[in-house]
Protein backbone atom coordinates (compact mmCIF):
# COMPACT_ATOMS: atom_id res chain seq x y z
CA UNK A 1 172.18 56.15 126.03
CA UNK A 2 174.35 59.01 127.22
CA UNK A 3 173.17 62.59 127.01
CA UNK A 4 176.05 64.67 125.72
CA UNK A 5 176.58 68.26 126.72
CA UNK A 6 176.88 70.86 123.98
CA UNK A 7 180.59 71.08 124.68
CA UNK A 8 181.03 67.29 124.37
CA UNK A 9 179.09 67.28 121.07
CA UNK A 10 181.24 70.14 119.80
CA UNK A 11 184.46 68.29 120.72
CA UNK A 12 183.30 65.05 119.12
CA UNK A 13 182.24 66.85 115.93
CA UNK A 14 185.73 68.35 115.78
CA UNK A 15 187.27 64.91 116.24
CA UNK A 16 184.97 63.47 113.59
CA UNK A 17 186.02 66.16 111.11
CA UNK A 18 189.75 65.72 111.82
CA UNK A 19 189.58 61.91 111.53
CA UNK A 20 187.68 62.13 108.23
CA UNK A 21 190.35 64.51 106.91
CA UNK A 22 193.03 62.01 107.95
CA UNK A 23 191.20 59.18 106.14
CA UNK A 24 190.95 61.25 102.97
CA UNK A 25 194.61 62.30 103.25
CA UNK A 26 195.89 58.77 103.86
CA UNK A 27 193.82 57.40 100.96
CA UNK A 28 195.51 59.98 98.74
CA UNK A 29 198.90 58.99 100.16
CA UNK A 30 198.30 55.35 99.25
CA UNK A 31 198.04 56.49 95.62
CA UNK A 32 200.93 59.00 95.86
CA UNK A 33 203.47 56.80 97.66
CA UNK A 34 206.30 55.47 95.52
CA UNK A 35 207.32 52.82 98.06
CA UNK A 36 205.07 49.76 98.27
CA UNK A 37 205.88 49.39 101.96
CA UNK A 38 204.70 52.94 102.56
CA UNK A 39 201.53 52.29 100.53
CA UNK A 40 200.80 49.38 102.86
CA UNK A 41 201.50 51.50 105.95
CA UNK A 42 199.06 54.18 104.74
CA UNK A 43 196.44 51.53 103.88
CA UNK A 44 196.70 50.30 107.46
CA UNK A 45 196.39 53.85 108.78
CA UNK A 46 193.19 54.29 106.76
CA UNK A 47 191.70 51.19 108.45
CA UNK A 48 192.70 52.45 111.88
CA UNK A 49 191.27 55.92 111.23
CA UNK A 50 188.03 54.38 109.96
CA UNK A 51 187.79 52.43 113.22
CA UNK A 52 188.36 55.65 115.19
CA UNK A 53 185.73 57.46 113.15
CA UNK A 54 183.26 54.65 113.87
CA UNK A 55 183.96 54.97 117.61
CA UNK A 56 183.41 58.74 117.46
CA UNK A 57 180.16 58.34 115.49
CA UNK A 58 178.85 55.92 118.13
CA UNK A 59 179.72 58.43 120.83
CA UNK A 60 177.92 61.21 118.92
CA UNK A 61 174.78 59.03 119.02
CA UNK A 62 175.17 58.77 122.80
CA UNK A 63 176.18 55.12 122.59
CA UNK A 64 179.08 53.73 124.58
CA UNK A 65 181.40 52.17 121.99
CA UNK A 66 182.35 48.52 122.41
CA UNK A 67 186.12 48.49 122.17
CA UNK A 68 188.43 45.51 122.30
CA UNK A 69 191.17 46.97 124.48
CA UNK A 70 193.08 43.70 124.41
CA UNK A 71 194.85 44.57 121.17
CA UNK A 72 196.03 47.93 119.99
CA UNK A 73 196.53 47.96 116.25
CA UNK A 74 195.02 44.75 114.96
CA UNK A 75 196.57 45.67 111.60
CA UNK A 76 200.06 45.64 113.09
CA UNK A 77 200.41 42.23 114.66
CA UNK A 78 203.77 40.84 115.75
CA UNK A 79 205.34 44.29 115.85
CA UNK A 80 208.98 44.35 116.75
CA UNK A 81 212.22 46.16 116.52
CA UNK A 82 214.85 43.58 117.26
CA UNK A 83 218.59 43.40 117.72
CA UNK A 84 219.14 42.61 114.03
CA UNK A 85 217.93 46.13 113.27
CA UNK A 86 214.78 44.84 111.63
CA UNK A 87 211.54 46.73 111.83
CA UNK A 88 208.55 44.43 111.46
CA UNK A 89 204.96 45.67 111.20
CA UNK A 90 202.78 42.80 110.14
CA UNK A 91 204.00 42.05 106.64
CA UNK A 92 206.21 45.16 106.46
CA UNK A 93 209.87 44.48 107.19
CA UNK A 94 212.61 47.08 106.92
CA UNK A 95 216.24 46.35 107.58
CA UNK A 96 219.26 48.56 107.96
CA UNK A 97 220.09 48.07 104.26
CA UNK A 98 217.02 50.14 103.40
CA UNK A 99 218.53 53.28 104.96
CA UNK A 100 218.68 56.38 102.76
CA UNK A 101 216.51 54.83 100.09
CA UNK A 102 213.40 56.95 99.57
CA UNK A 103 211.74 59.37 97.20
CA UNK A 104 211.47 63.03 98.20
CA UNK A 105 207.69 62.88 97.72
CA UNK A 106 207.47 59.99 100.17
CA UNK A 107 209.48 61.98 102.69
CA UNK A 108 207.13 64.95 102.41
CA UNK A 109 203.98 62.87 102.90
CA UNK A 110 205.57 61.01 105.81
CA UNK A 111 206.32 64.29 107.58
CA UNK A 112 202.77 65.44 106.90
CA UNK A 113 201.32 62.15 108.21
CA UNK A 114 203.50 62.41 111.32
CA UNK A 115 202.23 65.95 111.93
CA UNK A 116 198.63 64.80 111.35
CA UNK A 117 198.97 62.00 113.90
CA UNK A 118 200.53 64.39 116.42
CA UNK A 119 197.63 66.81 115.93
CA UNK A 120 195.04 64.04 116.38
CA UNK A 121 196.87 62.80 119.47
CA UNK A 122 196.76 66.29 120.92
CA UNK A 123 193.11 67.03 120.13
CA UNK A 124 191.97 63.62 121.39
CA UNK A 125 193.98 64.10 124.59
CA UNK A 126 192.43 67.50 125.22
CA UNK A 127 188.91 66.30 124.43
CA UNK A 128 189.23 63.28 126.73
CA UNK A 129 189.67 65.59 129.70
CA UNK A 130 186.31 67.27 129.06
CA UNK A 131 184.00 64.25 129.28
CA UNK A 132 181.90 63.57 132.35
CA UNK A 133 181.20 59.99 131.24
CA UNK A 134 184.27 57.88 132.05
CA UNK A 135 183.38 55.31 129.37
CA UNK A 136 183.61 58.05 126.74
CA UNK A 137 186.85 59.26 128.27
CA UNK A 138 188.15 55.68 128.07
CA UNK A 139 187.15 55.43 124.40
CA UNK A 140 189.14 58.56 123.64
CA UNK A 141 192.09 57.22 125.62
CA UNK A 142 191.98 54.10 123.45
CA UNK A 143 192.21 56.31 120.36
CA UNK A 144 195.07 58.25 122.00
CA UNK A 145 196.99 55.00 122.59
CA UNK A 146 196.58 54.05 118.94
CA UNK A 147 197.70 57.53 117.89
CA UNK A 148 200.85 57.01 119.91
CA UNK A 149 201.46 53.74 118.06
CA UNK A 150 200.82 55.44 114.69
CA UNK A 151 203.39 58.11 115.53
CA UNK A 152 205.90 55.45 116.52
CA UNK A 153 205.44 53.44 113.31
CA UNK A 154 205.63 56.42 110.97
CA UNK A 155 208.66 57.77 112.81
CA UNK A 156 210.42 54.39 112.80
CA UNK A 157 209.73 53.95 109.07
CA UNK A 158 211.19 57.41 108.44
CA UNK A 159 214.22 56.68 110.58
CA UNK A 160 214.87 53.33 108.88
CA UNK A 161 214.61 55.00 105.49
CA UNK A 162 217.05 57.73 106.55
CA UNK A 163 214.49 60.50 106.19
CA UNK A 164 215.80 62.34 109.24
CA UNK A 165 219.34 62.48 107.87
CA UNK A 166 218.87 65.21 105.26
CA UNK A 167 217.26 68.62 105.11
CA UNK A 168 213.87 68.78 103.46
CA UNK A 169 212.96 71.74 101.28
CA UNK A 170 209.35 72.65 100.56
């Protein structure tokens, strides 16, 4: 059992709140997405965020989370971007023929999800520097690594769909 400082508790409570918001947001995006591939991507993000929230809750209890650091993103196995311009995330495959095929609503929620992941990456990175317990710091670094993967997958999806090619108006 680890005794957390007030500052560490404060940082973890902030992380807990932000991850719960992301879960709620991504659950809504599953329902809002027009593209079935995007629905699947957001469903996977929900599972990943739930895992992160579980890790944070363990830390708030003063428990060192047991993390399998062997595999980042168990929901995205056999990830690849290969020379045939295919993007493969588990059962999600995009090819170059999918470019410029998206709904404006999907583009908006993708940009929002990308911004959310960047925020969580940033707050987790900052918080990890404040912990005296290296095991807690390592747990946050694990979350940071998965955030980096989330950013990559959302960004690659958006790129393959041609979402960076046109101006977006809000």
